[in-house]
Protein backbone atom coordinates (compact mmCIF):
# COMPACT_ATOMS: atom_id res chain seq x y z
CA MET A 1 -9.33 -19.04 -20.94
CA THR A 2 -11.30 -15.82 -20.69
CA PRO A 3 -15.01 -16.31 -21.55
CA LEU A 4 -16.11 -13.25 -23.56
CA HIS A 5 -19.69 -13.71 -24.59
CA SER A 6 -22.42 -16.17 -25.46
CA TRP A 7 -22.25 -18.02 -28.77
CA ASN A 8 -26.04 -17.87 -29.19
CA LEU A 9 -25.91 -14.82 -31.52
CA SER A 10 -27.56 -13.72 -34.75
CA PRO A 11 -25.33 -12.67 -37.71
CA ARG A 12 -26.18 -9.03 -37.04
CA GLU A 13 -25.16 -9.44 -33.29
CA ALA A 14 -21.97 -11.25 -34.29
CA ILE A 15 -20.89 -8.35 -36.59
CA ALA A 16 -21.55 -5.85 -33.85
CA LEU A 17 -19.53 -7.96 -31.42
CA GLN A 18 -16.60 -8.17 -33.81
CA ASN A 19 -16.49 -4.35 -33.95
CA GLU A 20 -16.55 -4.26 -30.18
CA LEU A 21 -13.92 -6.95 -29.58
CA ARG A 22 -11.56 -5.39 -32.16
CA GLU A 23 -10.84 -2.57 -29.69
CA ARG A 24 -9.40 -5.04 -27.20
CA LEU A 25 -6.75 -6.50 -29.53
CA GLN A 26 -3.14 -5.97 -28.51
CA ILE A 27 -0.89 -5.98 -31.62
CA GLN A 28 2.64 -6.07 -30.29
CA PRO A 29 6.05 -7.75 -30.87
CA LEU A 30 6.40 -11.25 -29.66
CA ASP A 31 8.93 -10.56 -26.93
CA PHE A 32 9.99 -14.16 -26.15
CA THR A 33 11.13 -17.26 -27.99
CA PRO A 34 8.37 -19.88 -27.81
CA LYS A 35 9.12 -23.41 -26.74
CA THR A 36 5.91 -24.75 -28.30
CA VAL A 37 3.85 -23.66 -31.30
CA ALA A 38 0.47 -25.17 -32.10
CA GLY A 39 -1.56 -25.31 -35.36
CA ALA A 40 -5.33 -25.44 -35.49
CA ASP A 41 -7.51 -26.50 -38.33
CA ILE A 42 -11.09 -27.77 -38.96
CA SER A 43 -12.27 -30.30 -41.59
CA PHE A 44 -15.91 -30.80 -42.65
CA ASP A 45 -18.10 -32.46 -45.22
CA LYS A 46 -20.02 -30.15 -47.58
CA ASN A 47 -23.73 -29.82 -46.73
CA SER A 48 -23.20 -31.07 -43.26
CA GLU A 49 -23.05 -29.31 -39.91
CA THR A 50 -20.60 -31.77 -38.51
CA VAL A 51 -17.07 -30.54 -38.03
CA TRP A 52 -13.76 -32.17 -36.92
CA ALA A 53 -11.53 -29.75 -35.07
CA GLY A 54 -7.97 -30.36 -34.16
CA ILE A 55 -4.93 -28.75 -32.50
CA VAL A 56 -1.39 -30.14 -33.02
CA ILE A 57 1.33 -28.90 -30.69
CA LEU A 58 4.98 -28.90 -31.89
CA SER A 59 8.16 -28.29 -30.06
CA PHE A 60 10.00 -25.18 -31.27
CA PRO A 61 12.36 -24.85 -33.07
CA GLN A 62 12.57 -28.72 -33.51
CA LEU A 63 9.04 -28.95 -34.89
CA GLU A 64 8.41 -32.32 -33.39
CA ILE A 65 4.91 -33.39 -32.46
CA ILE A 66 4.21 -33.19 -28.66
CA GLU A 67 0.46 -33.61 -28.67
CA GLU A 68 -2.49 -33.98 -31.09
CA CYS A 69 -5.95 -33.46 -29.78
CA GLY A 70 -9.29 -33.22 -31.62
CA LEU A 71 -12.97 -33.99 -31.66
CA GLU A 72 -16.09 -34.29 -33.75
CA THR A 73 -18.95 -31.90 -33.06
CA GLY A 74 -21.72 -29.99 -34.60
CA ALA A 75 -21.55 -26.41 -35.83
CA LYS A 76 -24.40 -24.22 -34.50
CA PHE A 77 -23.74 -21.07 -36.50
CA PRO A 78 -24.31 -20.86 -40.40
CA TYR A 79 -21.49 -20.58 -42.78
CA ILE A 80 -21.14 -16.87 -43.52
CA PRO A 81 -17.91 -15.35 -45.02
CA GLY A 82 -16.42 -12.97 -42.44
CA LEU A 83 -18.11 -14.79 -39.57
CA LEU A 84 -16.41 -18.10 -39.65
CA SER A 85 -15.14 -17.61 -36.16
CA PHE A 86 -18.67 -17.90 -34.74
CA ARG A 87 -19.06 -21.24 -36.59
CA GLU A 88 -15.55 -22.73 -35.74
CA SER A 89 -14.39 -21.16 -32.45
CA PRO A 90 -16.57 -23.18 -30.11
CA ALA A 91 -15.08 -26.38 -31.48
CA TYR A 92 -11.59 -25.07 -31.09
CA LEU A 93 -12.31 -24.13 -27.47
CA GLU A 94 -13.62 -27.59 -26.75
CA VAL A 95 -10.35 -29.09 -28.06
CA TRP A 96 -8.32 -26.49 -26.03
CA GLU A 97 -9.97 -27.64 -22.75
CA LYS A 98 -8.78 -31.24 -23.51
CA LEU A 99 -5.14 -30.33 -24.13
CA ARG A 100 -2.62 -31.74 -21.70
CA VAL A 101 -0.10 -29.15 -22.87
CA LYS A 102 -1.02 -25.52 -23.53
CA PRO A 103 1.08 -23.96 -26.33
CA ASP A 104 3.01 -20.69 -26.22
CA VAL A 105 1.65 -19.63 -29.61
CA LEU A 106 -1.34 -20.67 -31.66
CA VAL A 107 -1.42 -20.51 -35.48
CA LEU A 108 -4.89 -20.68 -37.08
CA ASP A 109 -5.65 -21.84 -40.66
CA GLY A 110 -7.61 -18.58 -41.21
CA GLN A 111 -7.38 -14.83 -40.90
CA GLY A 112 -6.20 -12.46 -38.07
CA THR A 113 -6.51 -8.83 -38.82
CA ALA A 114 -6.71 -9.63 -42.55
CA HIS A 115 -10.49 -9.36 -42.26
CA PRO A 116 -13.07 -6.84 -43.42
CA ARG A 117 -13.62 -5.76 -39.70
CA GLY A 118 -10.07 -6.62 -38.52
CA MET A 119 -11.36 -9.47 -36.44
CA GLY A 120 -10.64 -12.83 -37.91
CA ILE A 121 -10.67 -16.13 -36.05
CA ALA A 122 -7.06 -15.74 -34.91
CA CYS A 123 -8.05 -12.43 -33.23
CA HIS A 124 -11.18 -13.81 -31.67
CA LEU A 125 -9.47 -16.88 -30.24
CA GLY A 126 -6.44 -14.85 -29.07
CA LEU A 127 -8.82 -12.77 -26.96
CA TRP A 128 -10.56 -15.87 -25.52
CA LEU A 129 -7.26 -17.72 -24.71
CA GLN A 130 -5.04 -14.70 -24.01
CA ILE A 131 -2.05 -16.09 -25.82
CA PRO A 132 -0.21 -14.91 -28.97
CA THR A 133 -2.17 -16.01 -32.07
CA ILE A 134 -1.44 -15.74 -35.78
CA GLY A 135 -3.55 -16.12 -38.83
CA CYS A 136 -2.07 -18.08 -41.71
CA ALA A 137 -4.63 -18.45 -44.58
CA LYS A 138 -4.28 -20.12 -47.94
CA THR A 139 -6.69 -17.72 -49.60
CA LEU A 140 -7.59 -14.06 -49.40
CA LEU A 141 -10.70 -12.86 -47.55
CA CYS A 142 -10.14 -9.18 -48.36
CA GLY A 143 -7.42 -6.90 -49.54
CA ARG A 144 -4.89 -6.87 -52.38
CA PHE A 145 -1.14 -7.10 -52.60
CA GLY A 146 1.38 -5.88 -55.17
CA GLU A 147 4.51 -7.33 -56.71
CA LEU A 148 5.97 -10.27 -54.76
CA GLY A 149 9.39 -11.73 -55.30
CA GLU A 150 9.60 -15.42 -56.30
CA ASN A 151 12.00 -16.45 -53.47
CA ARG A 152 11.13 -17.94 -50.12
CA GLY A 153 10.88 -15.16 -47.47
CA GLU A 154 9.70 -12.49 -49.91
CA THR A 155 6.74 -10.47 -48.65
CA ALA A 156 4.25 -7.88 -49.94
CA PRO A 157 1.91 -5.79 -47.90
CA LEU A 158 -1.73 -6.79 -47.90
CA VAL A 159 -3.84 -3.71 -48.18
CA TYR A 160 -7.55 -3.06 -47.54
CA LYS A 161 -9.16 0.35 -47.61
CA LYS A 162 -5.71 1.95 -47.74
CA GLN A 163 -4.65 0.20 -44.49
CA GLN A 164 -2.11 -2.67 -44.21
CA ILE A 165 -3.96 -5.59 -42.72
CA GLY A 166 -1.34 -8.35 -43.13
CA ALA A 167 1.17 -9.64 -45.76
CA ALA A 168 1.45 -12.11 -48.61
CA LEU A 169 4.39 -14.39 -47.66
CA ARG A 170 6.30 -16.60 -49.99
CA THR A 171 7.15 -19.72 -47.92
CA LYS A 172 8.57 -21.74 -50.78
CA ASN A 173 10.46 -20.64 -53.97
CA ARG A 174 8.02 -19.85 -56.87
CA VAL A 175 4.94 -21.27 -55.00
CA ASN A 176 1.88 -19.16 -54.35
CA PRO A 177 2.10 -17.29 -51.06
CA VAL A 178 0.21 -17.72 -47.81
CA PHE A 179 -1.56 -14.74 -46.22
CA VAL A 180 -0.32 -13.80 -42.80
CA SER A 181 -1.81 -11.49 -40.25
CA PRO A 182 -1.51 -11.09 -36.45
CA GLY A 183 -4.25 -12.19 -34.18
CA HIS A 184 -3.65 -11.03 -30.59
CA LEU A 185 -0.45 -10.40 -28.48
CA CYS A 186 1.72 -10.54 -31.68
CA ASP A 187 2.54 -8.19 -34.57
CA LEU A 188 3.00 -8.82 -38.16
CA GLU A 189 6.77 -8.94 -38.24
CA SER A 190 6.81 -11.47 -35.39
CA ALA A 191 4.21 -13.55 -37.17
CA LYS A 192 6.18 -13.66 -40.48
CA SER A 193 9.44 -14.50 -38.73
CA LEU A 194 7.90 -17.26 -36.69
CA LEU A 195 6.07 -18.88 -39.62
CA LEU A 196 9.25 -18.82 -41.79
CA ALA A 197 11.04 -20.56 -38.79
CA CYS A 198 8.28 -23.22 -38.82
CA ASP A 199 9.52 -24.62 -42.19
CA GLY A 200 9.06 -28.24 -43.13
CA GLY A 201 9.78 -27.70 -46.83
CA TYR A 202 6.19 -27.23 -47.80
CA LYS A 203 4.16 -24.19 -48.73
CA ILE A 204 2.06 -24.41 -45.48
CA PRO A 205 4.10 -23.90 -42.33
CA GLU A 206 4.36 -26.97 -40.11
CA PRO A 207 1.89 -26.08 -37.38
CA THR A 208 -1.12 -25.67 -39.67
CA ARG A 209 0.05 -28.30 -42.15
CA ARG A 210 0.23 -30.91 -39.35
CA ALA A 211 -3.15 -29.79 -38.01
CA HIS A 212 -4.69 -30.07 -41.47
CA LEU A 213 -3.39 -33.66 -41.86
CA PHE A 214 -4.60 -34.57 -38.39
CA VAL A 215 -8.22 -33.28 -38.78
CA ASN A 216 -8.48 -35.02 -42.15
CA ARG A 217 -7.49 -38.26 -40.47
CA LEU A 218 -10.23 -37.64 -37.86
CA ARG A 219 -12.83 -36.96 -40.58
CA LEU A 220 -11.91 -40.24 -42.29
CA GLY A 221 -12.24 -42.17 -39.10
CA GLN A 222 -8.63 -42.92 -38.82
CA GLY A 223 -8.28 -41.61 -35.28
CA VAL A 224 -5.27 -40.03 -33.61
């Protein structure tokens, strides 16, 4: 892990930091075949500062669970669209420290470069952890996409301010797409290929789908 900064920041300082950190991103092809892929997600109750963060590590390409690790903690940064990384990342980093196995690639339920300042949570955590990271979001934060075929594997560029920031990716026939963007040490083509390979028959690729199920179990007090 590479500590980058203090988390005790105002929203204005957080925006300035995003603009600074963006210049350190390395968007490049994934030049190896991972043996493990992890998904990360957070669950929370509305009107509460309590969050349940979890990381689930899968073998690749078998997609079998190797490790599940999570915790309950308090968020110290307010909920502000575009600054979720500052609310959620400290919890993920706590979980990361507890992992017995460190994954080759980390997929976040959130944005990578598909962000107004090109610095979503997948980018931010990629810089902290110095591993390839991918953003796989269920909803758009910014940008638009055009016509998208109905079959699994079809993609359409996600464009914001005349620049491609990610892609809409159809992961299941005739089902709404997910929104994919690179975080760090990965590029868009590698991200799309890897997520399509992490197919469990659902809309959400297996790493973040399993992480979502895990953190919801934690929130409901059902344990690991």
